[in-house]
Amino acid sequence: MAAYLVGPGYQDPRTQDWPLVDWKLPAAISALYILGIPVGHRIMRDREPLKLRRFATLHNAFLFALSLYMTVECVTQSYRNFGWSKHLQLWCNRNDPGPTFSDSGYRLARVLWIHYLSKAYEFGDTLIMILKKNKRQVSFLHVYHHATTFFPVWWAVVKYGPGGEAWFCCALNSLIHVGMYGYYFAAGLGLRVGGVKQLITQSQMIQFLLFMTQSVYMLFIKDCYRPRLSPIMLLVQCAIFFALFANFYRQAYLKKRAAPSKGASAKEE
């Protein structure tokens, strides 16, 4: 099934009037997130860390449930929209072209928009770390990843191509979040399973490699997506993410001198 190729300056008509699709507010939110981190550290500098176990557990439970919903909804609507019952195609699926959009195409756009909004809600991870005075966890990796994933990465997806290729990133990312936030929810309840945090980081790195492969496929093997800036952005961002996560993995798990207690998950993506 051929992909839908859009022209220069194309904005998807399904999402153009939805909240946070105009670039100004999401750009401001990301900027405030970055600028607010040193302010938060300064406010907490002479204060005792807050006890937020119950709040953090509810936060992780919500993201676990939301990620599970997004995984199921994204795959379900992709199956309906792309006609996978007849021909399963992992990449280069059409972006429901209109002018009359299908119900499945609309619902796929909606879950991608929800996924985009969830990236702003995940800024709450950072807030919890700051209030608990876990300053080491608020690393460059953590801040760069959270800020840029919300804007411009998922903002651009929702504005220009909420369908087609975006299903793969949404479904895989949400699935990994099911495992990650499910683990942190269980940990908040006092349940501990050894080796899970390392497995989460490994799965995140594999995810970035798959996204890079997808972008290379779209750019150089089968030209099936417009604007081409989207797969270029995907390739560059995921290469940066992979390098940052690989460095974290080396520091946390591979260096023999690192203490086991320092092998905490980056709690990224």
C-alpha atoms as a PDB file:
ATOM      1  CA  MET A   1       0.000   0.000   0.000  1.00  0.00           C
ATOM      2  CA  ALA A   2       1.554   3.280  -1.039  1.00  0.00           C
ATOM      3  CA  ALA A   3       2.284   5.968   1.470  1.00  0.00           C
ATOM      4  CA  TYR A   4       0.606   9.317   1.251  1.00  0.00           C
ATOM      5  CA  LEU A   5       3.048  12.005   0.100  1.00  0.00           C
ATOM      6  CA  VAL A   6       2.235  15.540   1.173  1.00  0.00           C
ATOM      7  CA  GLY A   7       3.541  18.720  -0.339  1.00  0.00           C
ATOM      8  CA  PRO A   8       5.646  21.553   1.109  1.00  0.00           C
ATOM      9  CA  GLY A   9       3.986  23.405   3.938  1.00  0.00           C
ATOM     10  CA  TYR A  10       1.363  20.699   4.411  1.00  0.00           C
ATOM     11  CA  GLN A  11      -0.411  20.679   7.772  1.00  0.00           C
ATOM     12  CA  ASP A  12      -2.672  17.774   8.605  1.00  0.00           C
ATOM     13  CA  PRO A  13      -6.246  19.118   8.652  1.00  0.00           C
ATOM     14  CA  ARG A  14      -7.316  16.687  11.366  1.00  0.00           C
ATOM     15  CA  THR A  15      -5.062  18.163  14.023  1.00  0.00           C
ATOM     16  CA  GLN A  16      -4.499  21.766  12.974  1.00  0.00           C
ATOM     17  CA  ASP A  17      -7.069  23.137  15.470  1.00  0.00           C
ATOM     18  CA  TRP A  18      -6.294  20.753  18.327  1.00  0.00           C
ATOM     19  CA  PRO A  19      -4.721  22.081  21.567  1.00  0.00           C
ATOM     20  CA  LEU A  20      -0.924  22.513  21.577  1.00  0.00           C
ATOM     21  CA  VAL A  21      -0.566  22.029  17.818  1.00  0.00           C
ATOM     22  CA  ASP A  22       0.285  25.670  17.166  1.00  0.00           C
ATOM     23  CA  TRP A  23       4.046  25.857  17.809  1.00  0.00           C
ATOM     24  CA  LYS A  24       4.162  28.835  20.177  1.00  0.00           C
ATOM     25  CA  LEU A  25       2.731  27.293  23.350  1.00  0.00           C
ATOM     26  CA  PRO A  26       4.610  23.943  23.188  1.00  0.00           C
ATOM     27  CA  ALA A  27       7.855  25.813  22.460  1.00  0.00           C
ATOM     28  CA  ALA A  28       7.203  27.989  25.517  1.00  0.00           C
ATOM     29  CA  ILE A  29       6.411  24.920  27.646  1.00  0.00           C
ATOM     30  CA  SER A  30       9.703  23.245  26.706  1.00  0.00           C
ATOM     31  CA  ALA A  31      11.605  26.473  27.366  1.00  0.00           C
ATOM     32  CA  LEU A  32       9.962  26.890  30.776  1.00  0.00           C
ATOM     33  CA  TYR A  33      10.745  23.257  31.583  1.00  0.00           C
ATOM     34  CA  ILE A  34      14.445  23.796  30.885  1.00  0.00           C
ATOM     35  CA  LEU A  35      14.631  27.166  32.640  1.00  0.00           C
ATOM     36  CA  GLY A  36      12.615  25.927  35.594  1.00  0.00           C
ATOM     37  CA  ILE A  37      15.034  23.137  36.509  1.00  0.00           C
ATOM     38  CA  PRO A  38      17.794  25.334  38.006  1.00  0.00           C
ATOM     39  CA  VAL A  39      15.108  27.390  39.722  1.00  0.00           C
ATOM     40  CA  GLY A  40      13.696  24.227  41.273  1.00  0.00           C
ATOM     41  CA  HIS A  41      17.128  23.107  42.448  1.00  0.00           C
ATOM     42  CA  ARG A  42      17.715  26.515  44.011  1.00  0.00           C
ATOM     43  CA  ILE A  43      14.354  26.470  45.807  1.00  0.00           C
ATOM     44  CA  MET A  44      15.077  23.013  47.243  1.00  0.00           C
ATOM     45  CA  ARG A  45      18.726  23.717  48.069  1.00  0.00           C
ATOM     46  CA  ASP A  46      18.196  24.503  51.770  1.00  0.00           C
ATOM     47  CA  ARG A  47      15.065  22.434  52.244  1.00  0.00           C
ATOM     48  CA  GLU A  48      14.568  18.840  53.255  1.00  0.00           C
ATOM     49  CA  PRO A  49      13.614  16.461  50.430  1.00  0.00           C
ATOM     50  CA  LEU A  50       9.885  15.874  50.203  1.00  0.00           C
ATOM     51  CA  LYS A  51       8.397  12.450  50.830  1.00  0.00           C
ATOM     52  CA  LEU A  52       6.473  11.780  47.652  1.00  0.00           C
ATOM     53  CA  ARG A  53       6.217   8.005  47.554  1.00  0.00           C
ATOM     54  CA  ARG A  54       2.428   7.926  47.319  1.00  0.00           C
ATOM     55  CA  PHE A  55       2.296  10.713  44.740  1.00  0.00           C
ATOM     56  CA  ALA A  56       5.103   9.140  42.675  1.00  0.00           C
ATOM     57  CA  THR A  57       3.377   5.751  42.788  1.00  0.00           C
ATOM     58  CA  LEU A  58       0.118   7.262  41.486  1.00  0.00           C
ATOM     59  CA  HIS A  59       2.061   9.183  38.839  1.00  0.00           C
ATOM     60  CA  ASN A  60       3.733   5.987  37.613  1.00  0.00           C
ATOM     61  CA  ALA A  61       0.462   4.041  37.766  1.00  0.00           C
ATOM     62  CA  PHE A  62      -1.217   6.648  35.561  1.00  0.00           C
ATOM     63  CA  LEU A  63       1.609   6.553  33.005  1.00  0.00           C
ATOM     64  CA  PHE A  64       1.584   2.748  33.043  1.00  0.00           C
ATOM     65  CA  ALA A  65      -2.161   2.670  32.293  1.00  0.00           C
ATOM     66  CA  LEU A  66      -1.901   5.443  29.688  1.00  0.00           C
ATOM     67  CA  SER A  67       1.006   3.699  27.943  1.00  0.00           C
ATOM     68  CA  LEU A  68      -0.928   0.429  27.827  1.00  0.00           C
ATOM     69  CA  TYR A  69      -3.925   2.213  26.309  1.00  0.00           C
ATOM     70  CA  MET A  70      -1.760   3.961  23.704  1.00  0.00           C
ATOM     71  CA  THR A  71      -0.039   0.713  22.718  1.00  0.00           C
ATOM     72  CA  VAL A  72      -3.305  -1.141  22.187  1.00  0.00           C
ATOM     73  CA  GLU A  73      -5.128   1.764  20.517  1.00  0.00           C
ATOM     74  CA  CYS A  74      -2.246   2.570  18.190  1.00  0.00           C
ATOM     75  CA  VAL A  75      -1.870  -1.016  16.966  1.00  0.00           C
ATOM     76  CA  THR A  76      -5.649  -1.513  16.707  1.00  0.00           C
ATOM     77  CA  GLN A  77      -6.254   1.606  14.614  1.00  0.00           C
ATOM     78  CA  SER A  78      -3.179   0.931  12.483  1.00  0.00           C
ATOM     79  CA  TYR A  79      -4.504  -2.551  11.745  1.00  0.00           C
ATOM     80  CA  ARG A  80      -7.822  -1.046  10.637  1.00  0.00           C
ATOM     81  CA  ASN A  81      -6.372   1.923   8.768  1.00  0.00           C
ATOM     82  CA  PHE A  82      -3.551   0.223   6.866  1.00  0.00           C
ATOM     83  CA  GLY A  83      -5.483  -2.874   5.835  1.00  0.00           C
ATOM     84  CA  TRP A  84      -3.150  -5.279   7.603  1.00  0.00           C
ATOM     85  CA  SER A  85      -5.746  -8.037   7.437  1.00  0.00           C
ATOM     86  CA  LYS A  86      -4.763  -8.366   3.768  1.00  0.00           C
ATOM     87  CA  HIS A  87      -1.189  -7.140   3.710  1.00  0.00           C
ATOM     88  CA  LEU A  88       0.991  -6.502   6.769  1.00  0.00           C
ATOM     89  CA  GLN A  89       3.472  -3.711   6.081  1.00  0.00           C
ATOM     90  CA  LEU A  90       5.720  -2.572   8.906  1.00  0.00           C
ATOM     91  CA  TRP A  91       6.872   0.712   7.309  1.00  0.00           C
ATOM     92  CA  CYS A  92       5.740   2.982   4.487  1.00  0.00           C
ATOM     93  CA  ASN A  93       2.072   2.882   5.381  1.00  0.00           C
ATOM     94  CA  ARG A  94      -0.165   5.652   4.063  1.00  0.00           C
ATOM     95  CA  ASN A  95      -1.052   8.742   6.065  1.00  0.00           C
ATOM     96  CA  ASP A  96      -4.849   8.629   5.667  1.00  0.00           C
ATOM     97  CA  PRO A  97      -5.047  11.191   2.851  1.00  0.00           C
ATOM     98  CA  GLY A  98      -8.582  12.557   2.936  1.00  0.00           C
ATOM     99  CA  PRO A  99     -10.319  14.756   1.910  1.00  0.00           C
ATOM    100  CA  THR A 100     -12.756  12.482   3.786  1.00  0.00           C
ATOM    101  CA  PHE A 101     -10.788  10.895   6.595  1.00  0.00           C
ATOM    102  CA  SER A 102     -11.644   7.420   7.797  1.00  0.00           C
ATOM    103  CA  ASP A 103     -12.720   6.750  11.358  1.00  0.00           C
ATOM    104  CA  SER A 104      -9.608   4.647  11.951  1.00  0.00           C
ATOM    105  CA  GLY A 105      -7.409   7.399  10.498  1.00  0.00           C
ATOM    106  CA  TYR A 106      -8.978   9.957  12.809  1.00  0.00           C
ATOM    107  CA  ARG A 107      -8.587   7.689  15.844  1.00  0.00           C
ATOM    108  CA  LEU A 108      -4.960   6.987  14.948  1.00  0.00           C
ATOM    109  CA  ALA A 109      -4.313  10.735  14.738  1.00  0.00           C
ATOM    110  CA  ARG A 110      -6.008  11.149  18.106  1.00  0.00           C
ATOM    111  CA  VAL A 111      -3.880   8.559  19.903  1.00  0.00           C
ATOM    112  CA  LEU A 112      -0.734  10.085  18.392  1.00  0.00           C
ATOM    113  CA  TRP A 113      -1.861  13.457  19.741  1.00  0.00           C
ATOM    114  CA  ILE A 114      -2.442  11.894  23.181  1.00  0.00           C
ATOM    115  CA  HIS A 115       1.032  10.396  22.976  1.00  0.00           C
ATOM    116  CA  TYR A 116       2.394  13.861  22.250  1.00  0.00           C
ATOM    117  CA  LEU A 117       0.584  15.355  25.251  1.00  0.00           C
ATOM    118  CA  SER A 118       1.901  12.564  27.461  1.00  0.00           C
ATOM    119  CA  LYS A 119       5.420  13.830  26.800  1.00  0.00           C
ATOM    120  CA  ALA A 120       4.505  17.083  28.540  1.00  0.00           C
ATOM    121  CA  TYR A 121       2.962  15.186  31.454  1.00  0.00           C
ATOM    122  CA  GLU A 122       6.227  13.235  31.781  1.00  0.00           C
ATOM    123  CA  PHE A 123       7.895  16.472  32.830  1.00  0.00           C
ATOM    124  CA  GLY A 124       6.424  15.397  36.156  1.00  0.00           C
ATOM    125  CA  ASP A 125       9.267  12.846  36.380  1.00  0.00           C
ATOM    126  CA  THR A 126      11.697  15.737  36.659  1.00  0.00           C
ATOM    127  CA  LEU A 127       9.557  17.601  39.191  1.00  0.00           C
ATOM    128  CA  ILE A 128       9.481  14.552  41.450  1.00  0.00           C
ATOM    129  CA  MET A 129      13.269  14.174  41.208  1.00  0.00           C
ATOM    130  CA  ILE A 130      13.805  17.845  42.096  1.00  0.00           C
ATOM    131  CA  LEU A 131      11.403  17.775  45.053  1.00  0.00           C
ATOM    132  CA  LYS A 132      13.063  14.601  46.348  1.00  0.00           C
ATOM    133  CA  LYS A 133      16.478  16.243  45.808  1.00  0.00           C
ATOM    134  CA  ASN A 134      17.655  13.450  43.508  1.00  0.00           C
ATOM    135  CA  LYS A 135      19.807  15.951  41.647  1.00  0.00           C
ATOM    136  CA  ARG A 136      22.065  13.313  40.082  1.00  0.00           C
ATOM    137  CA  GLN A 137      19.109  11.873  38.168  1.00  0.00           C
ATOM    138  CA  VAL A 138      18.353  15.231  36.539  1.00  0.00           C
ATOM    139  CA  SER A 139      21.212  14.737  34.093  1.00  0.00           C
ATOM    140  CA  PHE A 140      21.818  16.232  30.664  1.00  0.00           C
ATOM    141  CA  LEU A 141      20.480  12.985  29.195  1.00  0.00           C
ATOM    142  CA  HIS A 142      17.277  13.280  31.200  1.00  0.00           C
ATOM    143  CA  VAL A 143      16.634  16.964  30.461  1.00  0.00           C
ATOM    144  CA  TYR A 144      17.595  16.906  26.777  1.00  0.00           C
ATOM    145  CA  HIS A 145      15.506  13.835  26.133  1.00  0.00           C
ATOM    146  CA  HIS A 146      12.366  15.046  27.883  1.00  0.00           C
ATOM    147  CA  ALA A 147      12.493  18.569  26.474  1.00  0.00           C
ATOM    148  CA  THR A 148      13.145  17.726  22.810  1.00  0.00           C
ATOM    149  CA  THR A 149      10.865  14.688  22.669  1.00  0.00           C
ATOM    150  CA  PHE A 150       7.884  16.902  23.462  1.00  0.00           C
ATOM    151  CA  PHE A 151       8.984  19.786  21.236  1.00  0.00           C
ATOM    152  CA  PRO A 152       9.911  19.705  18.422  1.00  0.00           C
ATOM    153  CA  VAL A 153       9.826  15.931  17.804  1.00  0.00           C
ATOM    154  CA  TRP A 154       6.269  14.841  18.649  1.00  0.00           C
ATOM    155  CA  TRP A 155       4.853  18.286  17.966  1.00  0.00           C
ATOM    156  CA  ALA A 156       6.082  17.968  14.357  1.00  0.00           C
ATOM    157  CA  VAL A 157       4.602  14.474  14.056  1.00  0.00           C
ATOM    158  CA  VAL A 158       1.156  15.602  15.199  1.00  0.00           C
ATOM    159  CA  LYS A 159       1.175  18.755  13.074  1.00  0.00           C
ATOM    160  CA  TYR A 160       2.430  17.270   9.807  1.00  0.00           C
ATOM    161  CA  GLY A 161       1.951  13.505   9.794  1.00  0.00           C
ATOM    162  CA  PRO A 162      -0.300  11.978  12.494  1.00  0.00           C
ATOM    163  CA  GLY A 163      -0.610   8.603  10.793  1.00  0.00           C
ATOM    164  CA  GLY A 164       1.414   6.433   8.458  1.00  0.00           C
ATOM    165  CA  GLU A 165       4.961   6.032   9.746  1.00  0.00           C
ATOM    166  CA  ALA A 166       4.296   7.582  13.162  1.00  0.00           C
ATOM    167  CA  TRP A 167       2.385   4.505  14.333  1.00  0.00           C
ATOM    168  CA  PHE A 168       5.629   2.529  14.737  1.00  0.00           C
ATOM    169  CA  CYS A 169       7.304   5.061  17.032  1.00  0.00           C
ATOM    170  CA  CYS A 170       4.158   5.517  19.107  1.00  0.00           C
ATOM    171  CA  ALA A 171       3.455   1.809  19.523  1.00  0.00           C
ATOM    172  CA  LEU A 172       7.027   0.767  20.336  1.00  0.00           C
ATOM    173  CA  ASN A 173       7.687   3.718  22.624  1.00  0.00           C
ATOM    174  CA  SER A 174       4.408   3.158  24.483  1.00  0.00           C
ATOM    175  CA  LEU A 175       5.173  -0.551  24.869  1.00  0.00           C
ATOM    176  CA  ILE A 176       8.538   0.236  26.456  1.00  0.00           C
ATOM    177  CA  HIS A 177       6.784   2.707  28.741  1.00  0.00           C
ATOM    178  CA  VAL A 178       4.428  -0.046  29.846  1.00  0.00           C
ATOM    179  CA  GLY A 179       7.438  -1.968  31.121  1.00  0.00           C
ATOM    180  CA  MET A 180       9.252   1.049  32.540  1.00  0.00           C
ATOM    181  CA  TYR A 181       6.395   2.720  34.397  1.00  0.00           C
ATOM    182  CA  GLY A 182       4.994  -0.658  35.383  1.00  0.00           C
ATOM    183  CA  TYR A 183       8.304  -1.421  37.046  1.00  0.00           C
ATOM    184  CA  TYR A 184       8.402   1.918  38.877  1.00  0.00           C
ATOM    185  CA  PHE A 185       4.790   1.489  39.965  1.00  0.00           C
ATOM    186  CA  ALA A 186       5.609  -1.947  41.365  1.00  0.00           C
ATOM    187  CA  ALA A 187       8.721  -0.579  43.068  1.00  0.00           C
ATOM    188  CA  GLY A 188       6.570   2.106  44.703  1.00  0.00           C
ATOM    189  CA  LEU A 189       4.479  -0.701  46.170  1.00  0.00           C
ATOM    190  CA  GLY A 190       7.593  -2.318  47.575  1.00  0.00           C
ATOM    191  CA  LEU A 191       8.019  -5.014  44.923  1.00  0.00           C
ATOM    192  CA  ARG A 192      11.571  -5.542  43.673  1.00  0.00           C
ATOM    193  CA  VAL A 193      12.690  -7.564  40.655  1.00  0.00           C
ATOM    194  CA  GLY A 194      16.421  -7.769  39.992  1.00  0.00           C
ATOM    195  CA  GLY A 195      17.862  -6.857  36.617  1.00  0.00           C
ATOM    196  CA  VAL A 196      14.779  -5.048  35.320  1.00  0.00           C
ATOM    197  CA  LYS A 197      16.326  -1.574  35.298  1.00  0.00           C
ATOM    198  CA  GLN A 198      19.204  -2.751  33.135  1.00  0.00           C
ATOM    199  CA  LEU A 199      16.764  -4.493  30.798  1.00  0.00           C
ATOM    200  CA  ILE A 200      14.750  -1.264  30.496  1.00  0.00           C
ATOM    201  CA  THR A 201      17.844   0.669  29.417  1.00  0.00           C
ATOM    202  CA  GLN A 202      18.732  -2.056  26.905  1.00  0.00           C
ATOM    203  CA  SER A 203      15.230  -1.967  25.443  1.00  0.00           C
ATOM    204  CA  GLN A 204      15.447   1.816  25.084  1.00  0.00           C
ATOM    205  CA  MET A 205      18.715   1.509  23.160  1.00  0.00           C
ATOM    206  CA  ILE A 206      17.252  -1.170  20.867  1.00  0.00           C
ATOM    207  CA  GLN A 207      14.264   1.124  20.301  1.00  0.00           C
ATOM    208  CA  PHE A 208      16.508   3.940  19.082  1.00  0.00           C
ATOM    209  CA  LEU A 209      18.340   1.582  16.726  1.00  0.00           C
ATOM    210  CA  LEU A 210      15.003   0.479  15.244  1.00  0.00           C
ATOM    211  CA  PHE A 211      13.878   4.089  14.792  1.00  0.00           C
ATOM    212  CA  MET A 212      17.173   4.908  13.065  1.00  0.00           C
ATOM    213  CA  THR A 213      16.690   1.918  10.768  1.00  0.00           C
ATOM    214  CA  GLN A 214      13.172   3.103   9.967  1.00  0.00           C
ATOM    215  CA  SER A 215      14.382   6.609   9.100  1.00  0.00           C
ATOM    216  CA  VAL A 216      17.186   5.289   6.864  1.00  0.00           C
ATOM    217  CA  TYR A 217      14.647   3.055   5.118  1.00  0.00           C
ATOM    218  CA  MET A 218      12.356   6.029   4.438  1.00  0.00           C
ATOM    219  CA  LEU A 219      15.179   8.292   3.290  1.00  0.00           C
ATOM    220  CA  PHE A 220      17.340   6.012   1.161  1.00  0.00           C
ATOM    221  CA  ILE A 221      15.508   2.769   0.358  1.00  0.00           C
ATOM    222  CA  LYS A 222      11.877   3.635  -0.284  1.00  0.00           C
ATOM    223  CA  ASP A 223      10.953   7.304  -0.527  1.00  0.00           C
ATOM    224  CA  CYS A 224       7.563   7.169   1.135  1.00  0.00           C
ATOM    225  CA  TYR A 225       7.139  10.105   3.471  1.00  0.00           C
ATOM    226  CA  ARG A 226       6.801  13.864   3.234  1.00  0.00           C
ATOM    227  CA  PRO A 227       8.039  16.163   4.569  1.00  0.00           C
ATOM    228  CA  ARG A 228      11.486  14.534   4.452  1.00  0.00           C
ATOM    229  CA  LEU A 229      12.470  16.672   7.410  1.00  0.00           C
ATOM    230  CA  SER A 230      10.564  14.242   9.657  1.00  0.00           C
ATOM    231  CA  PRO A 231      12.725  11.142   9.007  1.00  0.00           C
ATOM    232  CA  ILE A 232      15.841  13.339   9.048  1.00  0.00           C
ATOM    233  CA  MET A 233      14.827  14.649  12.467  1.00  0.00           C
ATOM    234  CA  LEU A 234      14.088  11.093  13.618  1.00  0.00           C
ATOM    235  CA  LEU A 235      17.515   9.870  12.479  1.00  0.00           C
ATOM    236  CA  VAL A 236      19.467  12.716  14.082  1.00  0.00           C
ATOM    237  CA  GLN A 237      17.550  12.689  17.366  1.00  0.00           C
ATOM    238  CA  CYS A 238      17.724   8.926  17.800  1.00  0.00           C
ATOM    239  CA  ALA A 239      21.455   8.900  17.023  1.00  0.00           C
ATOM    240  CA  ILE A 240      21.952  11.470  19.797  1.00  0.00           C
ATOM    241  CA  PHE A 241      19.672   9.556  22.163  1.00  0.00           C
ATOM    242  CA  PHE A 242      21.450   6.279  21.460  1.00  0.00           C
ATOM    243  CA  ALA A 243      24.857   7.827  22.129  1.00  0.00           C
ATOM    244  CA  LEU A 244      23.656   9.349  25.403  1.00  0.00           C
ATOM    245  CA  PHE A 245      21.989   6.144  26.572  1.00  0.00           C
ATOM    246  CA  ALA A 246      25.005   4.053  25.559  1.00  0.00           C
ATOM    247  CA  ASN A 247      27.232   6.290  27.664  1.00  0.00           C
ATOM    248  CA  PHE A 248      24.819   5.993  30.592  1.00  0.00           C
ATOM    249  CA  TYR A 249      24.716   2.210  30.163  1.00  0.00           C
ATOM    250  CA  ARG A 250      28.499   2.007  30.157  1.00  0.00           C
ATOM    251  CA  GLN A 251      28.772   4.154  33.275  1.00  0.00           C
ATOM    252  CA  ALA A 252      25.976   2.445  35.183  1.00  0.00           C
ATOM    253  CA  TYR A 253      26.347  -1.216  34.268  1.00  0.00           C
ATOM    254  CA  LEU A 254      29.637  -1.984  32.526  1.00  0.00           C
ATOM    255  CA  LYS A 255      32.199  -0.207  34.666  1.00  0.00           C
ATOM    256  CA  LYS A 256      33.369  -2.641  37.318  1.00  0.00           C
ATOM    257  CA  ARG A 257      34.188   0.117  39.737  1.00  0.00           C
ATOM    258  CA  ALA A 258      30.622   1.466  39.717  1.00  0.00           C
ATOM    259  CA  ALA A 259      28.750   0.579  42.893  1.00  0.00           C
ATOM    260  CA  PRO A 260      25.551  -1.502  42.364  1.00  0.00           C
ATOM    261  CA  SER A 261      23.493   1.204  44.029  1.00  0.00           C
ATOM    262  CA  LYS A 262      24.476   3.609  41.241  1.00  0.00           C
ATOM    263  CA  GLY A 263      22.992   1.457  38.537  1.00  0.00           C
ATOM    264  CA  ALA A 264      19.674   3.277  38.663  1.00  0.00           C
ATOM    265  CA  SER A 265      17.651   3.559  35.496  1.00  0.00           C
ATOM    266  CA  ALA A 266      17.813   6.830  33.577  1.00  0.00           C
ATOM    267  CA  LYS A 267      14.016   6.790  33.653  1.00  0.00           C
ATOM    268  CA  GLU A 268      14.009   8.330  30.223  1.00  0.00           C
ATOM    269  CA  GLU A 269      11.771   7.701  27.285  1.00  0.00           C
END
